Amino acid sequence: MRNIAKDILGSTELANFAIDELLPLLTKGDIDEANAAINENYMQFKKGLRNATIS
């Protein structure tokens, strides 16, 4: 399942997030918590882009 998620999402990090963090929340029906996890993951991604330098 992890390999399929990696192929679809194009990233090991995103696949790990989807399987390890997001999927358990969604299977429990914790939609608000899943949404918060997605938002937090996005903010960390966005923060990483701000700190990146283009060469």
Protein backbone atom coordinates (compact mmCIF):
# COMPACT_ATOMS: atom_id res chain seq x y z
CA MET A 1 0.00 0.00 0.00
CA ARG A 2 2.86 2.36 0.83
CA ASN A 3 4.42 1.84 -2.62
CA ILE A 4 1.11 2.54 -4.35
CA ALA A 5 0.63 5.72 -2.30
CA LYS A 6 4.19 6.78 -3.13
CA ASP A 7 3.57 6.23 -6.85
CA ILE A 8 0.31 8.16 -6.78
CA LEU A 9 1.52 11.02 -4.58
CA GLY A 10 5.01 11.15 -6.04
CA SER A 11 6.70 11.34 -2.66
CA THR A 12 7.70 8.96 0.11
CA GLU A 13 7.09 11.72 2.65
CA LEU A 14 3.54 12.34 1.43
CA ALA A 15 2.82 8.61 1.28
CA ASN A 16 4.00 8.21 4.87
CA PHE A 17 1.83 11.15 5.96
CA ALA A 18 -1.22 9.75 4.18
CA ILE A 19 -0.82 6.23 5.61
CA ASP A 20 0.57 6.93 9.07
CA GLU A 21 -1.33 10.08 10.02
CA LEU A 22 -4.25 10.77 7.71
CA LEU A 23 -5.66 7.28 7.15
CA PRO A 24 -6.03 6.43 10.86
CA LEU A 25 -7.94 9.67 11.47
CA LEU A 26 -10.24 9.10 8.52
CA THR A 27 -10.98 5.49 9.43
CA LYS A 28 -12.07 6.69 12.89
CA GLY A 29 -14.26 9.35 11.28
CA ASP A 30 -12.22 12.21 12.72
CA ILE A 31 -12.80 14.54 9.78
CA ASP A 32 -11.94 17.70 11.72
CA GLU A 33 -8.70 16.17 12.99
CA ALA A 34 -7.83 14.96 9.49
CA ASN A 35 -8.46 18.44 8.13
CA ALA A 36 -6.23 19.92 10.84
CA ALA A 37 -3.49 17.41 10.01
CA ILE A 38 -3.68 18.32 6.32
CA ASN A 39 -3.51 22.02 7.13
CA GLU A 40 -0.53 21.51 9.45
CA ASN A 41 1.26 19.40 6.85
CA TYR A 42 0.64 22.10 4.24
CA MET A 43 1.91 24.86 6.53
CA GLN A 44 5.12 22.88 7.17
CA PHE A 45 5.52 22.38 3.41
CA LYS A 46 4.94 26.08 2.77
CA LYS A 47 7.41 27.01 5.51
CA GLY A 48 9.99 24.74 3.89
CA LEU A 49 9.51 26.48 0.56
CA ARG A 50 10.10 29.88 2.15
CA ASN A 51 13.40 28.65 3.57
CA ALA A 52 14.55 27.08 0.30
CA THR A 53 17.02 28.82 -1.96
CA ILE A 54 16.95 28.55 -5.71
CA SER A 55 20.27 28.03 -7.40
